[in-house]
Amino acid sequence: MRKNAALIDRMFFANAPELDLALRILVLGPLALVIVVVATRVVGLRSFSKMTAFDFVTTVAIGSLLAGAAAASKWPAFLQNTGAILVILAAQMALAILRRKSDTAQSAIANDPLLLMEDGEWCSEAMDTTRVSKADVWAKLREANVCDLSRVRAVVLEATGDISVLHADRLDDALLHDVRSIGSTKQPLSNG
């Protein structure tokens, strides 16, 4: 009985386990990768974007499923992983279309960007609510090549979790469209 079970575990060669393993290594990973590339071409460039938290989760899930497909030792496992990749990409595409067509869906699915700093002052309540530290913002200011703190007009925690630094002599109000502000407690930069 055990011998028959071992034969079922082989995907390509039932009587040559080493050859079966070698072919699985050479075939399954590239085949799964081709499936992801083709599906991405159909779904579009947004497939691996980071516009919403759902997009990020989609990217992580696809990576995990791709690894599962590449390491599969049975056809059902390979098909389950690649099928799940296709379903997740289809769900992401459907949600993206829904977000474009419905303001209600947009507000339910996406996070609003949030103001962390405005005109040289920390937005303390926003920092507390989002658990973003001043050290995180200082690092982003350096990363954005800020050389003059008096030119920092706004620091925004984007819907993706990225931090944007807007620094210039003047800030067009349109750039803060849909950016939320929490509370009114502000602290000068010198205190942080």
Protein backbone atom coordinates (compact mmCIF):
# COMPACT_ATOMS: atom_id res chain seq x y z
CA MET A 1 0.00 0.00 0.00
CA ARG A 2 2.83 2.43 0.88
CA LYS A 3 4.46 1.84 -2.50
CA ASN A 4 1.26 2.91 -4.31
CA ALA A 5 1.05 6.07 -2.17
CA ALA A 6 4.63 6.95 -3.12
CA LEU A 7 3.80 6.54 -6.80
CA ILE A 8 0.84 8.93 -6.46
CA ASP A 9 3.12 11.62 -4.96
CA ARG A 10 5.06 11.88 -8.22
CA MET A 11 3.95 14.51 -10.72
CA PHE A 12 6.00 13.57 -13.79
CA PHE A 13 7.76 10.23 -13.28
CA ALA A 14 6.15 7.69 -10.96
CA ASN A 15 9.16 5.36 -10.88
CA ALA A 16 12.00 7.93 -10.80
CA PRO A 17 11.70 10.16 -7.71
CA GLU A 18 14.96 12.06 -8.37
CA LEU A 19 13.97 12.85 -11.95
CA ASP A 20 10.47 13.78 -10.79
CA LEU A 21 11.94 16.21 -8.22
CA ALA A 22 14.30 17.74 -10.81
CA LEU A 23 11.45 18.30 -13.26
CA ARG A 24 9.25 19.83 -10.55
CA ILE A 25 12.06 22.28 -9.77
CA LEU A 26 12.62 23.12 -13.43
CA VAL A 27 8.98 23.28 -14.53
CA LEU A 28 6.64 24.35 -11.74
CA GLY A 29 8.30 27.61 -10.67
CA PRO A 30 8.65 28.99 -14.20
CA LEU A 31 5.16 27.75 -15.13
CA ALA A 32 3.62 29.46 -12.09
CA LEU A 33 5.58 32.61 -12.88
CA VAL A 34 4.30 32.62 -16.47
CA ILE A 35 0.74 32.28 -15.14
CA VAL A 36 1.28 35.29 -12.86
CA VAL A 37 2.82 37.37 -15.66
CA VAL A 38 0.00 36.56 -18.10
CA ALA A 39 -2.66 37.25 -15.45
CA THR A 40 -0.94 40.53 -14.60
CA ARG A 41 -0.94 41.54 -18.25
CA VAL A 42 -4.69 40.85 -18.41
CA VAL A 43 -5.51 42.58 -15.11
CA GLY A 44 -3.17 45.51 -15.70
CA LEU A 45 -0.30 47.35 -14.08
CA ARG A 46 -2.21 47.91 -10.87
CA SER A 47 -1.70 44.23 -9.96
CA PHE A 48 1.33 44.95 -7.81
CA SER A 49 0.67 48.58 -6.93
CA LYS A 50 0.39 49.80 -3.38
CA MET A 51 -2.57 52.16 -3.73
CA THR A 52 -4.61 50.57 -0.94
CA ALA A 53 -4.00 48.15 1.90
CA PHE A 54 -5.84 45.53 -0.17
CA ASP A 55 -3.27 45.98 -2.95
CA PHE A 56 -0.43 45.35 -0.51
CA VAL A 57 -2.14 42.25 0.90
CA THR A 58 -2.74 41.04 -2.66
CA THR A 59 0.95 41.36 -3.49
CA VAL A 60 2.02 39.45 -0.37
CA ALA A 61 -0.61 36.74 -0.94
CA ILE A 62 0.42 36.27 -4.58
CA GLY A 63 4.06 35.91 -3.54
CA SER A 64 3.15 33.27 -1.01
CA LEU A 65 0.90 31.39 -3.43
CA LEU A 66 3.57 31.56 -6.14
CA ALA A 67 6.04 29.97 -3.73
CA GLY A 68 3.47 27.30 -2.89
CA ALA A 69 2.88 26.55 -6.56
CA ALA A 70 6.62 26.35 -7.26
CA ALA A 71 7.12 23.92 -4.35
CA ALA A 72 4.03 21.78 -5.03
CA SER A 73 4.55 18.03 -4.99
CA LYS A 74 1.11 17.17 -6.37
CA TRP A 75 -0.93 18.60 -9.23
CA PRO A 76 -3.93 19.51 -7.04
CA ALA A 77 -1.67 21.68 -4.85
CA PHE A 78 -0.19 23.38 -7.92
CA LEU A 79 -3.63 24.02 -9.40
CA GLN A 80 -5.01 25.25 -6.08
CA ASN A 81 -2.17 27.78 -5.70
CA THR A 82 -2.28 29.06 -9.28
CA GLY A 83 -6.08 29.14 -9.22
CA ALA A 84 -6.00 31.16 -6.02
CA ILE A 85 -3.61 33.63 -7.65
CA LEU A 86 -6.07 34.13 -10.51
CA VAL A 87 -9.02 34.56 -8.14
CA ILE A 88 -7.17 37.10 -6.00
CA LEU A 89 -6.13 39.13 -9.05
CA ALA A 90 -9.72 39.05 -10.32
CA ALA A 91 -10.99 40.21 -6.90
CA GLN A 92 -8.44 43.02 -6.86
CA MET A 93 -9.55 44.11 -10.34
CA ALA A 94 -13.23 44.00 -9.33
CA LEU A 95 -12.56 46.06 -6.19
CA ALA A 96 -10.55 48.62 -8.18
CA ILE A 97 -13.44 49.01 -10.63
CA LEU A 98 -15.91 49.27 -7.76
CA ARG A 99 -13.75 51.95 -6.08
CA ARG A 100 -13.73 54.00 -9.29
CA LYS A 101 -17.49 53.79 -9.74
CA SER A 102 -18.69 54.18 -6.14
CA ASP A 103 -17.73 56.82 -3.58
CA THR A 104 -19.18 54.59 -0.86
CA ALA A 105 -16.94 51.70 -1.92
CA GLN A 106 -13.99 54.06 -2.17
CA SER A 107 -14.43 55.27 1.40
CA ALA A 108 -15.07 51.74 2.71
CA ILE A 109 -12.04 50.15 1.00
CA ALA A 110 -9.39 52.87 1.03
CA ASN A 111 -7.84 54.76 3.91
CA ASP A 112 -7.77 58.54 3.77
CA PRO A 113 -4.39 60.25 3.78
CA LEU A 114 -3.68 62.00 7.08
CA LEU A 115 -1.75 65.16 7.92
CA LEU A 116 1.15 64.50 10.32
CA MET A 117 2.83 67.89 10.10
CA GLU A 118 1.67 71.23 8.81
CA ASP A 119 3.71 74.42 8.36
CA GLY A 120 6.43 73.39 10.74
CA GLU A 121 4.24 71.98 13.50
CA TRP A 122 3.58 68.37 14.52
CA CYS A 123 -0.07 67.27 14.37
CA SER A 124 0.14 65.50 17.74
CA GLU A 125 -3.24 63.76 17.73
CA ALA A 126 -2.66 62.39 14.24
CA MET A 127 0.77 61.12 15.28
CA ASP A 128 -0.74 59.40 18.34
CA THR A 129 -3.67 57.93 16.38
CA THR A 130 -1.47 56.50 13.62
CA ARG A 131 1.35 55.41 15.94
CA VAL A 132 3.88 57.19 13.72
CA SER A 133 6.84 58.40 15.74
CA LYS A 134 8.64 61.68 15.32
CA ALA A 135 11.75 59.63 14.54
CA ASP A 136 9.89 58.10 11.56
CA VAL A 137 9.02 61.57 10.27
CA TRP A 138 12.54 62.92 10.83
CA ALA A 139 13.85 60.00 8.75
CA LYS A 140 11.38 60.80 5.96
CA LEU A 141 12.38 64.49 6.05
CA ARG A 142 16.00 63.47 5.53
CA GLU A 143 15.00 60.98 2.83
CA ALA A 144 13.15 63.80 1.01
CA ASN A 145 16.34 65.89 1.10
CA VAL A 146 14.80 68.58 3.29
CA CYS A 147 17.55 71.06 4.05
CA ASP A 148 15.42 73.88 5.42
CA LEU A 149 12.65 73.00 7.90
CA SER A 150 10.98 76.36 7.30
CA ARG A 151 10.13 75.15 3.77
CA VAL A 152 8.28 72.02 4.96
CA ARG A 153 4.61 72.75 4.25
CA ALA A 154 3.14 69.33 5.02
CA VAL A 155 3.98 65.76 5.88
CA VAL A 156 1.23 63.32 4.90
CA LEU A 157 0.70 59.70 5.89
CA GLU A 158 -0.67 58.36 2.60
CA ALA A 159 -3.41 55.74 2.26
CA THR A 160 -0.70 53.22 1.38
CA GLY A 161 1.24 53.81 4.59
CA ASP A 162 3.94 55.78 2.80
CA ILE A 163 4.90 59.20 4.13
CA SER A 164 5.04 62.12 1.68
CA VAL A 165 6.96 65.27 2.45
CA LEU A 166 5.85 68.47 0.69
CA HIS A 167 8.52 71.15 0.94
CA ALA A 168 8.66 74.39 -1.01
CA ASP A 169 8.14 78.11 -0.53
CA ARG A 170 4.43 77.72 -1.30
CA LEU A 171 1.95 74.83 -1.25
CA ASP A 172 -1.00 74.62 -3.63
CA ASP A 173 -4.05 73.69 -1.52
CA ALA A 174 -5.15 71.22 -4.21
CA LEU A 175 -2.28 68.93 -3.16
CA LEU A 176 -4.00 68.41 0.19
CA HIS A 177 -7.33 67.46 -1.40
CA ASP A 178 -8.88 64.60 0.62
CA VAL A 179 -6.12 64.75 3.25
CA ARG A 180 -7.69 64.48 6.71
CA SER A 181 -6.58 66.43 9.71
CA ILE A 182 -7.18 65.04 13.21
CA GLY A 183 -7.56 67.39 16.16
CA SER A 184 -6.11 70.80 16.62
CA THR A 185 -3.18 70.12 18.95
CA LYS A 186 0.02 71.25 17.27
CA GLN A 187 3.59 71.25 18.56
CA PRO A 188 6.44 73.28 17.12
CA LEU A 189 9.23 71.21 15.55
CA SER A 190 11.70 72.45 18.13
CA ASN A 191 9.80 70.44 20.79
CA GLY A 192 10.25 67.14 19.01
